Amino acid sequence: MEHLALMERCIGPLPVKMAAKASKHSTSSKFFRRGRLNWPAGSSSDESVDHVRRMRSLAEMISREDAQSGLLELLQLMLVLDPDNRVTAPKRGSR
């Protein structure tokens, strides 16, 4: 669960439809509550909570110059969790 919490901290919350779908399965019920990640209530330790709290967002990791060049926007588009909404590279040969 810590890994999911780190992802949320870095790139934003899990898409509602993905979290809601996961929360319906009994195997993931301890990870999700009401369509959201059960964090920090579901954490395994205080160290885990501290680790996630120290995680910086993607915007905080990218320098201002790189963000202005479009790198931050590109990374955000590439790291969209829902594959239906994620940017893809054009197919080779379709130039």
N, C-alpha and C. Protein backbone atom coordinates (compact mmCIF):
# COMPACT_ATOMS: atom_id res chain seq x y z
N MET A 1 0.81 -1.19 0.00
CA MET A 1 0.00 0.00 0.00
C MET A 1 0.86 1.26 0.00
N GLU A 2 2.02 1.17 0.62
CA GLU A 2 2.92 2.32 0.66
C GLU A 2 3.26 2.76 -0.76
N HIS A 3 3.46 1.80 -1.65
CA HIS A 3 3.80 2.12 -3.04
C HIS A 3 2.68 2.94 -3.69
N LEU A 4 1.44 2.56 -3.47
CA LEU A 4 0.31 3.31 -4.02
C LEU A 4 0.25 4.71 -3.41
N ALA A 5 0.52 4.82 -2.12
CA ALA A 5 0.51 6.12 -1.46
C ALA A 5 1.62 7.01 -2.00
N LEU A 6 2.78 6.43 -2.28
CA LEU A 6 3.88 7.19 -2.87
C LEU A 6 3.50 7.69 -4.26
N MET A 7 2.85 6.84 -5.03
CA MET A 7 2.40 7.25 -6.37
C MET A 7 1.41 8.41 -6.27
N GLU A 8 0.47 8.31 -5.35
CA GLU A 8 -0.50 9.40 -5.18
C GLU A 8 0.20 10.69 -4.77
N ARG A 9 1.16 10.58 -3.90
CA ARG A 9 1.87 11.76 -3.42
C ARG A 9 2.65 12.42 -4.57
N CYS A 10 3.19 11.60 -5.45
CA CYS A 10 4.02 12.10 -6.54
C CYS A 10 3.19 12.65 -7.70
N ILE A 11 2.19 11.90 -8.14
CA ILE A 11 1.48 12.29 -9.37
C ILE A 11 0.00 12.57 -9.18
N GLY A 12 -0.48 12.48 -7.95
CA GLY A 12 -1.88 12.81 -7.69
C GLY A 12 -2.71 11.58 -7.38
N PRO A 13 -3.96 11.80 -7.00
CA PRO A 13 -4.82 10.69 -6.57
C PRO A 13 -5.08 9.68 -7.68
N LEU A 14 -5.33 8.46 -7.26
CA LEU A 14 -5.73 7.43 -8.21
C LEU A 14 -7.05 7.83 -8.84
N PRO A 15 -7.24 7.53 -10.11
CA PRO A 15 -8.52 7.84 -10.74
C PRO A 15 -9.67 7.17 -9.98
N VAL A 16 -10.74 7.90 -9.80
CA VAL A 16 -11.88 7.41 -9.02
C VAL A 16 -12.39 6.08 -9.55
N LYS A 17 -12.51 5.96 -10.88
CA LYS A 17 -13.07 4.72 -11.42
C LYS A 17 -12.15 3.53 -11.15
N MET A 18 -10.84 3.74 -11.13
CA MET A 18 -9.92 2.64 -10.85
C MET A 18 -9.98 2.25 -9.38
N ALA A 19 -10.00 3.24 -8.50
CA ALA A 19 -10.06 2.96 -7.07
C ALA A 19 -11.39 2.31 -6.70
N ALA A 20 -12.47 2.80 -7.30
CA ALA A 20 -13.79 2.22 -7.01
C ALA A 20 -13.86 0.78 -7.48
N LYS A 21 -13.30 0.51 -8.65
CA LYS A 21 -13.29 -0.86 -9.17
C LYS A 21 -12.48 -1.77 -8.25
N ALA A 22 -11.33 -1.28 -7.80
CA ALA A 22 -10.48 -2.08 -6.92
C ALA A 22 -11.14 -2.30 -5.56
N SER A 23 -11.85 -1.31 -5.07
CA SER A 23 -12.45 -1.44 -3.73
C SER A 23 -13.58 -2.47 -3.70
N LYS A 24 -14.10 -2.87 -4.87
CA LYS A 24 -15.16 -3.88 -4.93
C LYS A 24 -14.62 -5.30 -4.72
N HIS A 25 -13.33 -5.50 -4.93
CA HIS A 25 -12.74 -6.83 -4.80
C HIS A 25 -12.33 -7.07 -3.35
N SER A 26 -12.69 -8.21 -2.81
CA SER A 26 -12.41 -8.50 -1.41
C SER A 26 -10.92 -8.51 -1.11
N THR A 27 -10.09 -8.88 -2.09
CA THR A 27 -8.65 -8.93 -1.84
C THR A 27 -8.05 -7.54 -1.67
N SER A 28 -8.68 -6.53 -2.21
CA SER A 28 -8.13 -5.18 -2.08
C SER A 28 -8.93 -4.31 -1.12
N SER A 29 -9.87 -4.89 -0.40
CA SER A 29 -10.72 -4.09 0.48
C SER A 29 -9.92 -3.42 1.59
N LYS A 30 -8.80 -4.00 1.98
CA LYS A 30 -7.99 -3.34 3.02
C LYS A 30 -7.21 -2.16 2.46
N PHE A 31 -7.07 -2.09 1.14
CA PHE A 31 -6.33 -0.99 0.51
C PHE A 31 -7.22 0.20 0.16
N PHE A 32 -8.48 -0.07 -0.10
CA PHE A 32 -9.39 0.99 -0.56
C PHE A 32 -10.63 1.04 0.31
N ARG A 33 -11.12 2.26 0.53
CA ARG A 33 -12.37 2.49 1.25
C ARG A 33 -13.12 3.58 0.50
N ARG A 34 -14.36 3.29 0.17
CA ARG A 34 -15.23 4.27 -0.50
C ARG A 34 -14.58 4.85 -1.76
N GLY A 35 -13.92 4.01 -2.51
CA GLY A 35 -13.32 4.44 -3.77
C GLY A 35 -12.06 5.27 -3.64
N ARG A 36 -11.44 5.25 -2.47
CA ARG A 36 -10.19 5.99 -2.26
C ARG A 36 -9.18 5.10 -1.55
N LEU A 37 -7.92 5.42 -1.73
CA LEU A 37 -6.86 4.68 -1.06
C LEU A 37 -7.01 4.86 0.45
N ASN A 38 -6.96 3.78 1.19
CA ASN A 38 -7.11 3.80 2.64
C ASN A 38 -5.78 4.17 3.29
N TRP A 39 -5.39 5.41 3.11
CA TRP A 39 -4.10 5.88 3.61
C TRP A 39 -4.31 7.15 4.41
N PRO A 40 -3.70 7.33 5.54
CA PRO A 40 -2.70 6.49 6.19
C PRO A 40 -3.29 5.43 7.12
N ALA A 41 -4.60 5.35 7.22
CA ALA A 41 -5.20 4.37 8.14
C ALA A 41 -4.72 2.95 7.87
N GLY A 42 -4.48 2.61 6.61
CA GLY A 42 -4.07 1.25 6.27
C GLY A 42 -2.57 1.04 6.24
N SER A 43 -1.82 2.02 6.71
CA SER A 43 -0.35 1.90 6.67
C SER A 43 0.13 0.81 7.62
N SER A 44 1.30 0.29 7.30
CA SER A 44 1.86 -0.79 8.11
C SER A 44 2.68 -0.28 9.29
N SER A 45 3.12 0.98 9.22
CA SER A 45 3.96 1.50 10.31
C SER A 45 4.03 3.03 10.24
N ASP A 46 4.49 3.62 11.34
CA ASP A 46 4.72 5.06 11.37
C ASP A 46 5.82 5.45 10.40
N GLU A 47 6.82 4.57 10.24
CA GLU A 47 7.91 4.83 9.31
C GLU A 47 7.39 4.92 7.88
N SER A 48 6.45 4.08 7.57
CA SER A 48 5.84 4.09 6.24
C SER A 48 5.11 5.41 6.00
N VAL A 49 4.37 5.87 6.99
CA VAL A 49 3.66 7.14 6.87
C VAL A 49 4.65 8.28 6.69
N ASP A 50 5.74 8.27 7.46
CA ASP A 50 6.77 9.31 7.34
C ASP A 50 7.42 9.28 5.97
N HIS A 51 7.68 8.07 5.47
CA HIS A 51 8.30 7.93 4.14
C HIS A 51 7.42 8.57 3.08
N VAL A 52 6.14 8.30 3.12
CA VAL A 52 5.21 8.88 2.14
C VAL A 52 5.11 10.39 2.33
N ARG A 53 5.07 10.84 3.56
CA ARG A 53 4.97 12.27 3.84
C ARG A 53 6.17 13.04 3.27
N ARG A 54 7.34 12.41 3.28
CA ARG A 54 8.55 13.06 2.77
C ARG A 54 8.63 13.07 1.24
N MET A 55 7.80 12.26 0.59
CA MET A 55 7.82 12.18 -0.87
C MET A 55 7.40 13.52 -1.47
N ARG A 56 8.18 13.97 -2.44
CA ARG A 56 7.84 15.23 -3.11
C ARG A 56 6.94 14.95 -4.31
N SER A 57 6.18 15.93 -4.68
CA SER A 57 5.35 15.80 -5.88
C SER A 57 6.25 15.92 -7.11
N LEU A 58 5.75 15.47 -8.23
CA LEU A 58 6.50 15.56 -9.47
C LEU A 58 6.86 17.02 -9.76
N ALA A 59 5.93 17.92 -9.54
CA ALA A 59 6.19 19.35 -9.79
C ALA A 59 7.33 19.87 -8.91
N GLU A 60 7.45 19.34 -7.71
CA GLU A 60 8.53 19.77 -6.81
C GLU A 60 9.88 19.19 -7.22
N MET A 61 9.86 18.08 -7.95
CA MET A 61 11.11 17.43 -8.37
C MET A 61 11.70 18.04 -9.64
N ILE A 62 10.88 18.70 -10.42
CA ILE A 62 11.32 19.25 -11.70
C ILE A 62 11.70 20.72 -11.51
N SER A 63 12.84 21.11 -12.03
CA SER A 63 13.27 22.49 -11.89
C SER A 63 12.33 23.42 -12.64
N ARG A 64 12.32 24.67 -12.25
CA ARG A 64 11.46 25.66 -12.90
C ARG A 64 11.78 25.76 -14.40
N GLU A 65 13.07 25.73 -14.73
CA GLU A 65 13.48 25.83 -16.14
C GLU A 65 12.96 24.64 -16.94
N ASP A 66 13.09 23.44 -16.38
CA ASP A 66 12.60 22.25 -17.07
C ASP A 66 11.07 22.25 -17.18
N ALA A 67 10.42 22.75 -16.15
CA ALA A 67 8.96 22.83 -16.18
C ALA A 67 8.51 23.79 -17.28
N GLN A 68 9.22 24.91 -17.40
CA GLN A 68 8.86 25.89 -18.43
C GLN A 68 9.13 25.37 -19.84
N SER A 69 10.04 24.42 -19.97
CA SER A 69 10.34 23.86 -21.29
C SER A 69 9.29 22.84 -21.73
N GLY A 70 8.39 22.47 -20.83
CA GLY A 70 7.35 21.51 -21.17
C GLY A 70 7.60 20.12 -20.61
N LEU A 71 8.74 19.92 -19.95
CA LEU A 71 9.07 18.60 -19.41
C LEU A 71 8.05 18.14 -18.37
N LEU A 72 7.68 19.03 -17.48
CA LEU A 72 6.71 18.65 -16.43
C LEU A 72 5.39 18.21 -17.06
N GLU A 73 4.90 18.98 -18.00
CA GLU A 73 3.63 18.63 -18.65
C GLU A 73 3.73 17.28 -19.36
N LEU A 74 4.85 17.05 -20.06
CA LEU A 74 5.04 15.77 -20.75
C LEU A 74 5.05 14.61 -19.76
N LEU A 75 5.79 14.76 -18.67
CA LEU A 75 5.85 13.69 -17.66
C LEU A 75 4.47 13.44 -17.05
N GLN A 76 3.74 14.51 -16.77
CA GLN A 76 2.41 14.34 -16.21
C GLN A 76 1.50 13.58 -17.17
N LEU A 77 1.60 13.87 -18.46
CA LEU A 77 0.79 13.17 -19.46
C LEU A 77 1.20 11.70 -19.58
N MET A 78 2.50 11.44 -19.45
CA MET A 78 3.00 10.07 -19.57
C MET A 78 2.69 9.23 -18.34
N LEU A 79 2.54 9.88 -17.19
CA LEU A 79 2.34 9.16 -15.93
C LEU A 79 0.89 9.11 -15.49
N VAL A 80 -0.04 9.47 -16.36
CA VAL A 80 -1.46 9.33 -16.04
C VAL A 80 -1.71 7.85 -15.75
N LEU A 81 -2.34 7.56 -14.63
CA LEU A 81 -2.52 6.17 -14.22
C LEU A 81 -3.54 5.42 -15.07
N ASP A 82 -4.58 6.08 -15.49
CA ASP A 82 -5.61 5.43 -16.30
C ASP A 82 -5.10 5.29 -17.74
N PRO A 83 -4.87 4.08 -18.20
CA PRO A 83 -4.31 3.89 -19.55
C PRO A 83 -5.20 4.46 -20.65
N ASP A 84 -6.49 4.58 -20.40
CA ASP A 84 -7.39 5.17 -21.41
C ASP A 84 -7.14 6.66 -21.59
N ASN A 85 -6.55 7.30 -20.60
CA ASN A 85 -6.31 8.75 -20.65
C ASN A 85 -4.83 9.11 -20.80
N ARG A 86 -3.97 8.12 -20.84
CA ARG A 86 -2.53 8.34 -20.91
C ARG A 86 -2.11 8.66 -22.34
N VAL A 87 -1.19 9.59 -22.50
CA VAL A 87 -0.65 9.93 -23.81
C VAL A 87 0.17 8.75 -24.33
N THR A 88 0.13 8.54 -25.62
CA THR A 88 0.92 7.47 -26.22
C THR A 88 1.77 8.04 -27.34
N ALA A 89 2.82 7.34 -27.66
CA ALA A 89 3.68 7.75 -28.76
C ALA A 89 3.01 7.36 -30.08
N PRO A 90 3.20 8.18 -31.10
CA PRO A 90 2.62 7.80 -32.40
C PRO A 90 3.29 6.53 -32.91
N LYS A 91 2.53 5.74 -33.65
CA LYS A 91 3.10 4.51 -34.21
C LYS A 91 4.17 4.85 -35.23
N ARG A 92 5.20 4.05 -35.23
CA ARG A 92 6.30 4.24 -36.17
C ARG A 92 5.76 4.11 -37.60
N GLY A 93 6.15 5.01 -38.46
CA GLY A 93 5.73 4.96 -39.85
C GLY A 93 4.48 5.78 -40.13
N SER A 94 3.88 6.36 -39.11
CA SER A 94 2.67 7.15 -39.35
C SER A 94 2.98 8.64 -39.35
N ARG A 95 4.14 8.98 -39.80
CA ARG A 95 4.57 10.39 -39.81
C ARG A 95 3.85 11.19 -40.82
